[in-house]
Amino acid sequence: MMPPMCAVCPREPRDGKPLSEFTLVYFRATRTYDVDWVGHPENAVWFCDDHAHLAEGLTDLTAPEALARIR
């Protein structure tokens, strides 16, 4: 799984923000994967607590669509 880093701003846990201040938001899947696939899901994106509320209302979109609206 990819470590937390906000998709909107450059915040990372090492910038003084603890891991608990990041939220993994799941958007509509763009493709399906085999059960054996391991790694960070394409439809899951990290956000800091300052930006997570913007993403949580867009989970019916794909991640690229939601990020385009947020940015």
Foldseek 3Di string as FASTA:
>chain_A
DDAAAAPVDGDHVVVVNPSVQKDWAFADAPDDDDPPDDDDGQRIHIHGNVCVVQQNVHRPHGPVVSSVVSD
